[in-house]
Amino acid sequence: MSRHSALPSPSGPPSKIAIPRLERRRDPPAQAGVSSKQRVSRACLSCRARKIKCNGLLPRCSNCYENASPCVYASSRKDRLKTCVP
């Protein structure tokens, strides 16, 4: 004989269990006219290829300056597509 008692089988569909959601962290609002993060509108081709953050400085971004590599910016999306297609 088993020492464990049999659990009654559920009748119908299983009940849903509420899972608590994590609250998203909200940063305090930035001061008027002051941006906390500046987004560069375009990255140089070297930073794009290396998938690193480009600060967009001209004539040479900081990453290209430190690595002594050429810093080239694509003039438009069409130009970037032309360089990617064999």
N, C-alpha and C. Protein backbone atom coordinates (compact mmCIF):
# COMPACT_ATOMS: atom_id res chain seq x y z
N MET A 1 0.82 -1.18 0.00
CA MET A 1 0.00 0.00 0.00
C MET A 1 0.87 1.24 0.00
N SER A 2 0.43 2.28 -0.68
CA SER A 2 1.18 3.52 -0.78
C SER A 2 0.86 4.42 0.39
N ARG A 3 1.87 5.12 0.87
CA ARG A 3 1.64 6.04 1.99
C ARG A 3 1.12 7.39 1.50
N HIS A 4 1.28 7.66 0.21
CA HIS A 4 0.82 8.93 -0.34
C HIS A 4 -0.63 8.82 -0.75
N SER A 5 -1.38 9.85 -0.44
CA SER A 5 -2.77 9.84 -0.86
C SER A 5 -2.85 10.37 -2.29
N ALA A 6 -3.76 9.87 -3.02
CA ALA A 6 -3.92 10.29 -4.41
C ALA A 6 -4.56 11.67 -4.44
N LEU A 7 -4.02 12.53 -5.29
CA LEU A 7 -4.59 13.86 -5.45
C LEU A 7 -5.78 13.78 -6.39
N PRO A 8 -6.79 14.54 -6.12
CA PRO A 8 -7.93 14.51 -7.04
C PRO A 8 -7.52 15.09 -8.39
N SER A 9 -7.97 14.47 -9.45
CA SER A 9 -7.62 14.97 -10.78
C SER A 9 -8.44 16.22 -11.06
N PRO A 10 -7.82 17.22 -11.71
CA PRO A 10 -8.55 18.46 -11.98
C PRO A 10 -9.65 18.21 -12.99
N SER A 11 -10.76 18.81 -12.74
CA SER A 11 -11.87 18.69 -13.68
C SER A 11 -11.94 19.98 -14.48
N GLY A 12 -11.81 19.87 -15.77
CA GLY A 12 -11.86 21.05 -16.63
C GLY A 12 -10.47 21.57 -16.92
N PRO A 13 -10.40 22.74 -17.56
CA PRO A 13 -9.09 23.30 -17.93
C PRO A 13 -8.32 23.76 -16.69
N PRO A 14 -7.00 23.73 -16.78
CA PRO A 14 -6.21 24.17 -15.62
C PRO A 14 -6.42 25.66 -15.36
N SER A 15 -6.40 26.03 -14.10
CA SER A 15 -6.61 27.43 -13.76
C SER A 15 -5.35 28.24 -14.06
N LYS A 16 -5.53 29.49 -14.37
CA LYS A 16 -4.39 30.36 -14.67
C LYS A 16 -3.79 30.88 -13.38
N ILE A 17 -2.47 30.96 -13.37
CA ILE A 17 -1.76 31.47 -12.21
C ILE A 17 -1.26 32.86 -12.55
N ALA A 18 -1.52 33.81 -11.69
CA ALA A 18 -1.08 35.19 -11.92
C ALA A 18 0.41 35.29 -11.68
N ILE A 19 1.12 35.80 -12.67
CA ILE A 19 2.56 36.00 -12.56
C ILE A 19 2.81 37.50 -12.43
N PRO A 20 3.46 37.91 -11.35
CA PRO A 20 3.69 39.36 -11.18
C PRO A 20 4.65 39.88 -12.25
N ARG A 21 4.34 41.04 -12.77
CA ARG A 21 5.17 41.68 -13.79
C ARG A 21 6.19 42.59 -13.12
N LEU A 22 7.36 42.65 -13.72
CA LEU A 22 8.38 43.56 -13.21
C LEU A 22 8.07 44.96 -13.69
N GLU A 23 8.23 45.91 -12.82
CA GLU A 23 8.02 47.30 -13.21
C GLU A 23 9.23 47.80 -13.97
N ARG A 24 8.97 48.54 -15.02
CA ARG A 24 10.08 49.13 -15.77
C ARG A 24 10.62 50.32 -15.01
N ARG A 25 11.93 50.40 -14.99
CA ARG A 25 12.57 51.50 -14.28
C ARG A 25 12.41 52.77 -15.09
N ARG A 26 11.94 53.77 -14.46
CA ARG A 26 11.77 55.06 -15.13
C ARG A 26 12.82 56.02 -14.63
N ASP A 27 13.57 56.56 -15.57
CA ASP A 27 14.58 57.54 -15.21
C ASP A 27 13.89 58.86 -14.90
N PRO A 28 14.45 59.64 -14.01
CA PRO A 28 13.85 60.94 -13.73
C PRO A 28 13.90 61.81 -14.98
N PRO A 29 12.90 62.66 -15.18
CA PRO A 29 12.88 63.50 -16.38
C PRO A 29 14.09 64.42 -16.43
N ALA A 30 14.62 64.60 -17.63
CA ALA A 30 15.78 65.47 -17.82
C ALA A 30 15.35 66.93 -17.70
N GLN A 31 16.29 67.78 -17.38
CA GLN A 31 15.99 69.19 -17.27
C GLN A 31 15.64 69.74 -18.64
N ALA A 32 14.84 70.76 -18.67
CA ALA A 32 14.41 71.36 -19.93
C ALA A 32 15.61 71.85 -20.72
N GLY A 33 15.70 71.42 -21.98
CA GLY A 33 16.77 71.87 -22.86
C GLY A 33 18.07 71.11 -22.70
N VAL A 34 18.15 70.19 -21.73
CA VAL A 34 19.38 69.43 -21.53
C VAL A 34 19.08 67.97 -21.81
N SER A 35 19.81 67.39 -22.73
CA SER A 35 19.62 65.99 -23.07
C SER A 35 20.59 65.13 -22.29
N SER A 36 20.10 64.05 -21.69
CA SER A 36 20.99 63.19 -20.92
C SER A 36 21.86 62.33 -21.84
N LYS A 37 21.32 61.92 -22.98
CA LYS A 37 22.09 61.14 -23.94
C LYS A 37 21.98 61.81 -25.30
N GLN A 38 23.10 61.94 -25.97
CA GLN A 38 23.07 62.49 -27.31
C GLN A 38 23.21 61.34 -28.29
N ARG A 39 22.34 61.29 -29.26
CA ARG A 39 22.37 60.23 -30.25
C ARG A 39 23.02 60.77 -31.52
N VAL A 40 23.99 60.03 -32.02
CA VAL A 40 24.68 60.41 -33.25
C VAL A 40 23.80 59.99 -34.41
N SER A 41 23.59 60.90 -35.36
CA SER A 41 22.71 60.59 -36.48
C SER A 41 23.30 59.55 -37.41
N ARG A 42 24.62 59.47 -37.45
CA ARG A 42 25.25 58.46 -38.30
C ARG A 42 26.60 58.08 -37.71
N ALA A 43 26.96 56.84 -37.93
CA ALA A 43 28.26 56.34 -37.46
C ALA A 43 29.17 56.17 -38.66
N CYS A 44 30.47 56.24 -38.43
CA CYS A 44 31.41 56.03 -39.53
C CYS A 44 31.39 54.55 -39.92
N LEU A 45 31.89 54.26 -41.08
CA LEU A 45 31.86 52.89 -41.59
C LEU A 45 32.70 51.94 -40.74
N SER A 46 33.80 52.44 -40.19
CA SER A 46 34.64 51.60 -39.34
C SER A 46 33.91 51.19 -38.06
N CYS A 47 33.24 52.14 -37.43
CA CYS A 47 32.48 51.83 -36.21
C CYS A 47 31.30 50.91 -36.53
N ARG A 48 30.67 51.11 -37.67
CA ARG A 48 29.57 50.23 -38.07
C ARG A 48 30.07 48.80 -38.25
N ALA A 49 31.21 48.65 -38.91
CA ALA A 49 31.75 47.32 -39.17
C ALA A 49 32.14 46.63 -37.87
N ARG A 50 32.68 47.40 -36.92
CA ARG A 50 33.11 46.83 -35.64
C ARG A 50 31.97 46.76 -34.63
N LYS A 51 30.81 47.34 -34.99
CA LYS A 51 29.61 47.37 -34.14
C LYS A 51 29.91 47.98 -32.78
N ILE A 52 30.51 49.17 -32.83
CA ILE A 52 30.82 49.90 -31.60
C ILE A 52 30.22 51.29 -31.69
N LYS A 53 30.12 51.95 -30.56
CA LYS A 53 29.54 53.29 -30.49
C LYS A 53 30.47 54.30 -31.14
N CYS A 54 29.90 55.10 -32.04
CA CYS A 54 30.66 56.15 -32.72
C CYS A 54 30.17 57.49 -32.19
N ASN A 55 31.11 58.40 -31.88
CA ASN A 55 30.69 59.70 -31.37
C ASN A 55 30.46 60.70 -32.49
N GLY A 56 30.76 60.34 -33.74
CA GLY A 56 30.43 61.17 -34.89
C GLY A 56 31.27 62.42 -35.06
N LEU A 57 32.40 62.51 -34.41
CA LEU A 57 33.24 63.69 -34.56
C LEU A 57 33.86 63.74 -35.95
N LEU A 58 34.01 64.94 -36.46
CA LEU A 58 34.64 65.15 -37.77
C LEU A 58 35.93 65.89 -37.58
N PRO A 59 36.96 65.67 -38.31
CA PRO A 59 37.04 64.75 -39.45
C PRO A 59 37.25 63.31 -39.04
N ARG A 60 37.53 63.03 -37.76
CA ARG A 60 37.81 61.67 -37.32
C ARG A 60 37.15 61.42 -35.97
N CYS A 61 36.40 60.32 -35.86
CA CYS A 61 35.78 60.00 -34.57
C CYS A 61 36.86 59.50 -33.60
N SER A 62 36.52 59.43 -32.34
CA SER A 62 37.49 59.05 -31.31
C SER A 62 38.03 57.64 -31.52
N ASN A 63 37.17 56.71 -31.93
CA ASN A 63 37.63 55.33 -32.13
C ASN A 63 38.64 55.24 -33.27
N CYS A 64 38.37 55.92 -34.37
CA CYS A 64 39.30 55.90 -35.50
C CYS A 64 40.59 56.62 -35.15
N TYR A 65 40.49 57.69 -34.37
CA TYR A 65 41.68 58.42 -33.95
C TYR A 65 42.58 57.53 -33.09
N GLU A 66 41.99 56.82 -32.12
CA GLU A 66 42.76 55.96 -31.23
C GLU A 66 43.38 54.77 -31.97
N ASN A 67 42.67 54.26 -32.99
CA ASN A 67 43.16 53.10 -33.73
C ASN A 67 43.94 53.48 -34.98
N ALA A 68 44.11 54.77 -35.22
CA ALA A 68 44.81 55.27 -36.41
C ALA A 68 44.25 54.66 -37.69
N SER A 69 42.92 54.56 -37.74
CA SER A 69 42.27 54.02 -38.93
C SER A 69 41.54 55.14 -39.66
N PRO A 70 41.30 54.97 -40.96
CA PRO A 70 40.60 56.02 -41.70
C PRO A 70 39.15 56.12 -41.22
N CYS A 71 38.64 57.32 -41.14
CA CYS A 71 37.28 57.56 -40.67
C CYS A 71 36.46 58.06 -41.85
N VAL A 72 35.60 57.20 -42.37
CA VAL A 72 34.82 57.52 -43.56
C VAL A 72 33.34 57.41 -43.20
N TYR A 73 32.58 58.42 -43.58
CA TYR A 73 31.14 58.44 -43.37
C TYR A 73 30.44 58.26 -44.70
N ALA A 74 29.43 57.39 -44.76
CA ALA A 74 28.64 57.23 -45.97
C ALA A 74 27.72 58.44 -46.08
N SER A 75 27.57 58.94 -47.30
CA SER A 75 26.77 60.15 -47.47
C SER A 75 25.27 59.87 -47.40
N SER A 76 24.85 58.68 -47.79
CA SER A 76 23.43 58.34 -47.72
C SER A 76 23.26 56.84 -47.60
N ARG A 77 22.03 56.40 -47.39
CA ARG A 77 21.76 54.97 -47.26
C ARG A 77 22.04 54.26 -48.58
N LYS A 78 21.75 54.90 -49.69
CA LYS A 78 22.01 54.30 -50.99
C LYS A 78 23.49 54.01 -51.18
N ASP A 79 24.35 54.92 -50.72
CA ASP A 79 25.79 54.70 -50.84
C ASP A 79 26.24 53.51 -50.00
N ARG A 80 25.66 53.36 -48.81
CA ARG A 80 26.02 52.22 -47.97
C ARG A 80 25.60 50.92 -48.62
N LEU A 81 24.42 50.91 -49.24
CA LEU A 81 23.95 49.71 -49.89
C LEU A 81 24.83 49.33 -51.07
N LYS A 82 25.34 50.33 -51.79
CA LYS A 82 26.22 50.06 -52.92
C LYS A 82 27.52 49.42 -52.46
N THR A 83 28.03 49.82 -51.30
CA THR A 83 29.29 49.26 -50.83
C THR A 83 29.11 47.84 -50.29
N CYS A 84 27.89 47.48 -49.88
CA CYS A 84 27.65 46.16 -49.32
C CYS A 84 27.38 45.11 -50.40
N VAL A 85 26.84 45.52 -51.54
CA VAL A 85 26.49 44.58 -52.60
C VAL A 85 27.73 44.24 -53.41
N PRO A 86 28.01 42.93 -53.63
CA PRO A 86 29.21 42.56 -54.41
C PRO A 86 29.09 42.90 -55.87
